[in-house]
Amino acid sequence: MNFIKLGLLILISSCITAKASPSWNYLYSMYEVQTGEKFSNTYVDINTIKISNGKLNLWTKYDFNGKTQLGAQGGMEHLIVDCTNRQTTILALVNIKDGVISQPTNSMAPDDWIPGSDTEVLGEKFCNRYNH
């Protein structure tokens, strides 16, 4: 394993385990519109959730139900979910393919929740469940 991959693995592991071991809780599944076939499963690590001023800071992981989508078999995201402004910001995105962790994508611009989109489903579920 080269030093870059090892460094990324250590960085991701330390971010996830900063508070405690991950505690992945199932959040929801997405389904193909035309076939009704399950597309993906999403989980949240409840040990990473931090809440401040109506914003949730957390890690999720997802899988593509045993398939490969967009060159990956799943991944993890570090998110800020803004319950007040109905926006989600990806701070880090890590894809996993054949057990190999890709170079993380760094922070992206906030993404407005489009009605009926997976972003809205994810945002509303997080906010309804954790923003009290």
C-alpha atoms as a PDB file:
ATOM      1  CA  MET A   1       0.000   0.000   0.000  1.00  0.00           C
ATOM      2  CA  ASN A   2       1.533   3.326  -0.928  1.00  0.00           C
ATOM      3  CA  PHE A   3       1.866   6.145   1.588  1.00  0.00           C
ATOM      4  CA  ILE A   4      -0.891   8.306   0.060  1.00  0.00           C
ATOM      5  CA  LYS A   5      -3.509   5.555   0.354  1.00  0.00           C
ATOM      6  CA  LEU A   6      -2.312   4.711   3.856  1.00  0.00           C
ATOM      7  CA  GLY A   7      -2.495   8.398   4.829  1.00  0.00           C
ATOM      8  CA  LEU A   8      -6.043   8.714   3.457  1.00  0.00           C
ATOM      9  CA  LEU A   9      -7.117   5.585   5.291  1.00  0.00           C
ATOM     10  CA  ILE A  10      -5.668   6.878   8.567  1.00  0.00           C
ATOM     11  CA  LEU A  11      -7.232  10.326   8.040  1.00  0.00           C
ATOM     12  CA  ILE A  12     -10.671   8.890   7.319  1.00  0.00           C
ATOM     13  CA  SER A  13     -10.432   6.433  10.201  1.00  0.00           C
ATOM     14  CA  SER A  14      -9.399   9.143  12.641  1.00  0.00           C
ATOM     15  CA  CYS A  15     -12.257  11.406  11.548  1.00  0.00           C
ATOM     16  CA  ILE A  16     -14.782   8.653  11.993  1.00  0.00           C
ATOM     17  CA  THR A  17     -13.427   7.364  15.288  1.00  0.00           C
ATOM     18  CA  ALA A  18     -12.668  10.718  16.889  1.00  0.00           C
ATOM     19  CA  LYS A  19     -15.598  10.324  19.276  1.00  0.00           C
ATOM     20  CA  ALA A  20     -16.067   6.559  19.399  1.00  0.00           C
ATOM     21  CA  SER A  21     -16.262   3.568  17.117  1.00  0.00           C
ATOM     22  CA  PRO A  22     -18.694   4.088  14.246  1.00  0.00           C
ATOM     23  CA  SER A  23     -22.290   3.273  14.992  1.00  0.00           C
ATOM     24  CA  TRP A  24     -23.881   3.017  11.552  1.00  0.00           C
ATOM     25  CA  ASN A  25     -27.677   3.296  11.658  1.00  0.00           C
ATOM     26  CA  TYR A  26     -29.741   2.554   8.539  1.00  0.00           C
ATOM     27  CA  LEU A  27     -31.365   5.735   7.262  1.00  0.00           C
ATOM     28  CA  TYR A  28     -33.087   4.932   3.958  1.00  0.00           C
ATOM     29  CA  SER A  29     -32.944   3.138   0.598  1.00  0.00           C
ATOM     30  CA  MET A  30     -33.331   4.606  -2.884  1.00  0.00           C
ATOM     31  CA  TYR A  31     -35.169   2.725  -5.646  1.00  0.00           C
ATOM     32  CA  GLU A  32     -35.014   2.866  -9.450  1.00  0.00           C
ATOM     33  CA  VAL A  33     -38.060   4.761 -10.703  1.00  0.00           C
ATOM     34  CA  GLN A  34     -38.723   2.539 -13.729  1.00  0.00           C
ATOM     35  CA  THR A  35     -38.027  -0.907 -12.258  1.00  0.00           C
ATOM     36  CA  GLY A  36     -38.658  -0.433  -8.547  1.00  0.00           C
ATOM     37  CA  GLU A  37     -35.326  -2.206  -7.890  1.00  0.00           C
ATOM     38  CA  LYS A  38     -33.366  -1.080  -4.832  1.00  0.00           C
ATOM     39  CA  PHE A  39     -30.570   1.247  -5.956  1.00  0.00           C
ATOM     40  CA  SER A  40     -28.712   2.122  -2.749  1.00  0.00           C
ATOM     41  CA  ASN A  41     -28.751   2.071   1.038  1.00  0.00           C
ATOM     42  CA  THR A  42     -27.653   5.002   3.192  1.00  0.00           C
ATOM     43  CA  TYR A  43     -26.439   4.851   6.789  1.00  0.00           C
ATOM     44  CA  VAL A  44     -25.484   7.565   9.291  1.00  0.00           C
ATOM     45  CA  ASP A  45     -22.836   7.260  11.990  1.00  0.00           C
ATOM     46  CA  ILE A  46     -24.742   8.622  14.973  1.00  0.00           C
ATOM     47  CA  ASN A  47     -21.481   9.017  16.912  1.00  0.00           C
ATOM     48  CA  THR A  48     -20.336  11.746  14.508  1.00  0.00           C
ATOM     49  CA  ILE A  49     -23.440  13.955  14.598  1.00  0.00           C
ATOM     50  CA  LYS A  50     -22.804  17.440  15.935  1.00  0.00           C
ATOM     51  CA  ILE A  51     -25.641  19.983  15.978  1.00  0.00           C
ATOM     52  CA  SER A  52     -25.146  23.757  16.005  1.00  0.00           C
ATOM     53  CA  ASN A  53     -27.485  26.582  14.906  1.00  0.00           C
ATOM     54  CA  GLY A  54     -29.810  24.315  12.936  1.00  0.00           C
ATOM     55  CA  LYS A  55     -26.922  22.620  11.112  1.00  0.00           C
ATOM     56  CA  LEU A  56     -25.952  18.979  11.415  1.00  0.00           C
ATOM     57  CA  ASN A  57     -22.323  17.958  10.916  1.00  0.00           C
ATOM     58  CA  LEU A  58     -22.089  14.204  10.280  1.00  0.00           C
ATOM     59  CA  TRP A  59     -20.719  11.251   8.297  1.00  0.00           C
ATOM     60  CA  THR A  60     -22.775   8.937   6.099  1.00  0.00           C
ATOM     61  CA  LYS A  61     -21.893   5.821   4.191  1.00  0.00           C
ATOM     62  CA  TYR A  62     -23.723   4.304   1.269  1.00  0.00           C
ATOM     63  CA  ASP A  63     -23.648   1.204  -0.854  1.00  0.00           C
ATOM     64  CA  PHE A  64     -25.100   0.476  -4.265  1.00  0.00           C
ATOM     65  CA  ASN A  65     -26.834  -2.738  -3.249  1.00  0.00           C
ATOM     66  CA  GLY A  66     -23.969  -4.964  -4.429  1.00  0.00           C
ATOM     67  CA  LYS A  67     -23.531  -3.168  -7.765  1.00  0.00           C
ATOM     68  CA  THR A  68     -21.102  -0.604  -9.139  1.00  0.00           C
ATOM     69  CA  GLN A  69     -22.423   2.864  -9.962  1.00  0.00           C
ATOM     70  CA  LEU A  70     -20.318   5.675 -11.415  1.00  0.00           C
ATOM     71  CA  GLY A  71     -17.218   3.526 -10.963  1.00  0.00           C
ATOM     72  CA  ALA A  72     -17.780   2.886  -7.247  1.00  0.00           C
ATOM     73  CA  GLN A  73     -19.391   0.245  -5.056  1.00  0.00           C
ATOM     74  CA  GLY A  74     -20.160   2.687  -2.265  1.00  0.00           C
ATOM     75  CA  GLY A  75     -18.562   5.391  -0.252  1.00  0.00           C
ATOM     76  CA  MET A  76     -18.712   7.850   2.568  1.00  0.00           C
ATOM     77  CA  GLU A  77     -19.608  11.535   2.833  1.00  0.00           C
ATOM     78  CA  HIS A  78     -18.850  14.148   5.457  1.00  0.00           C
ATOM     79  CA  LEU A  79     -21.839  16.489   5.353  1.00  0.00           C
ATOM     80  CA  ILE A  80     -23.201  19.717   6.753  1.00  0.00           C
ATOM     81  CA  VAL A  81     -26.999  19.556   6.614  1.00  0.00           C
ATOM     82  CA  ASP A  82     -28.531  23.032   7.018  1.00  0.00           C
ATOM     83  CA  CYS A  83     -32.063  22.395   8.279  1.00  0.00           C
ATOM     84  CA  THR A  84     -32.999  26.113   8.298  1.00  0.00           C
ATOM     85  CA  ASN A  85     -31.957  26.969   4.721  1.00  0.00           C
ATOM     86  CA  ARG A  86     -32.692  23.486   3.326  1.00  0.00           C
ATOM     87  CA  GLN A  87     -29.170  22.975   1.943  1.00  0.00           C
ATOM     88  CA  THR A  88     -26.557  20.226   2.124  1.00  0.00           C
ATOM     89  CA  THR A  89     -22.822  20.785   1.765  1.00  0.00           C
ATOM     90  CA  ILE A  90     -20.438  17.910   1.050  1.00  0.00           C
ATOM     91  CA  LEU A  91     -17.222  18.529   2.975  1.00  0.00           C
ATOM     92  CA  ALA A  92     -15.585  15.288   1.825  1.00  0.00           C
ATOM     93  CA  LEU A  93     -16.661  12.497  -0.532  1.00  0.00           C
ATOM     94  CA  VAL A  94     -14.824   9.186  -0.597  1.00  0.00           C
ATOM     95  CA  ASN A  95     -15.656   6.472  -3.133  1.00  0.00           C
ATOM     96  CA  ILE A  96     -14.814   2.840  -2.565  1.00  0.00           C
ATOM     97  CA  LYS A  97     -14.191   0.404  -5.422  1.00  0.00           C
ATOM     98  CA  ASP A  98     -12.901  -3.132  -4.900  1.00  0.00           C
ATOM     99  CA  GLY A  99     -12.006  -2.206  -1.319  1.00  0.00           C
ATOM    100  CA  VAL A 100      -9.809   0.700  -2.463  1.00  0.00           C
ATOM    101  CA  ILE A 101     -10.485   4.190  -1.121  1.00  0.00           C
ATOM    102  CA  SER A 102     -10.287   6.943  -3.746  1.00  0.00           C
ATOM    103  CA  GLN A 103      -8.814  10.387  -3.339  1.00  0.00           C
ATOM    104  CA  PRO A 104     -11.404  12.370  -1.362  1.00  0.00           C
ATOM    105  CA  THR A 105     -13.225  15.209  -3.074  1.00  0.00           C
ATOM    106  CA  ASN A 106     -12.902  18.348  -0.975  1.00  0.00           C
ATOM    107  CA  SER A 107     -15.632  20.750   0.081  1.00  0.00           C
ATOM    108  CA  MET A 108     -18.306  21.606  -2.456  1.00  0.00           C
ATOM    109  CA  ALA A 109     -20.755  24.512  -2.567  1.00  0.00           C
ATOM    110  CA  PRO A 110     -24.026  24.187  -0.638  1.00  0.00           C
ATOM    111  CA  ASP A 111     -26.680  22.331  -2.620  1.00  0.00           C
ATOM    112  CA  ASP A 112     -30.326  23.435  -2.316  1.00  0.00           C
ATOM    113  CA  TRP A 113     -32.814  20.664  -1.673  1.00  0.00           C
ATOM    114  CA  ILE A 114     -34.764  20.080  -4.889  1.00  0.00           C
ATOM    115  CA  PRO A 115     -38.308  18.836  -4.122  1.00  0.00           C
ATOM    116  CA  GLY A 116     -38.453  15.046  -4.464  1.00  0.00           C
ATOM    117  CA  SER A 117     -34.675  14.646  -4.858  1.00  0.00           C
ATOM    118  CA  ASP A 118     -32.451  12.336  -2.852  1.00  0.00           C
ATOM    119  CA  THR A 119     -30.877  15.461  -1.324  1.00  0.00           C
ATOM    120  CA  GLU A 120     -34.272  16.531   0.036  1.00  0.00           C
ATOM    121  CA  VAL A 121     -35.026  13.007   1.312  1.00  0.00           C
ATOM    122  CA  LEU A 122     -31.662  12.856   3.065  1.00  0.00           C
ATOM    123  CA  GLY A 123     -31.946  16.396   4.484  1.00  0.00           C
ATOM    124  CA  GLU A 124     -35.475  15.982   5.794  1.00  0.00           C
ATOM    125  CA  LYS A 125     -34.706  12.611   7.350  1.00  0.00           C
ATOM    126  CA  PHE A 126     -31.626  13.985   9.112  1.00  0.00           C
ATOM    127  CA  CYS A 127     -33.368  17.145  10.288  1.00  0.00           C
ATOM    128  CA  ASN A 128     -36.524  15.378  11.436  1.00  0.00           C
ATOM    129  CA  ARG A 129     -34.566  12.694  13.241  1.00  0.00           C
ATOM    130  CA  TYR A 130     -31.659  14.614  14.776  1.00  0.00           C
ATOM    131  CA  ASN A 131     -32.345  18.379  14.855  1.00  0.00           C
ATOM    132  CA  HIS A 132     -34.410  18.813  18.031  1.00  0.00           C
END
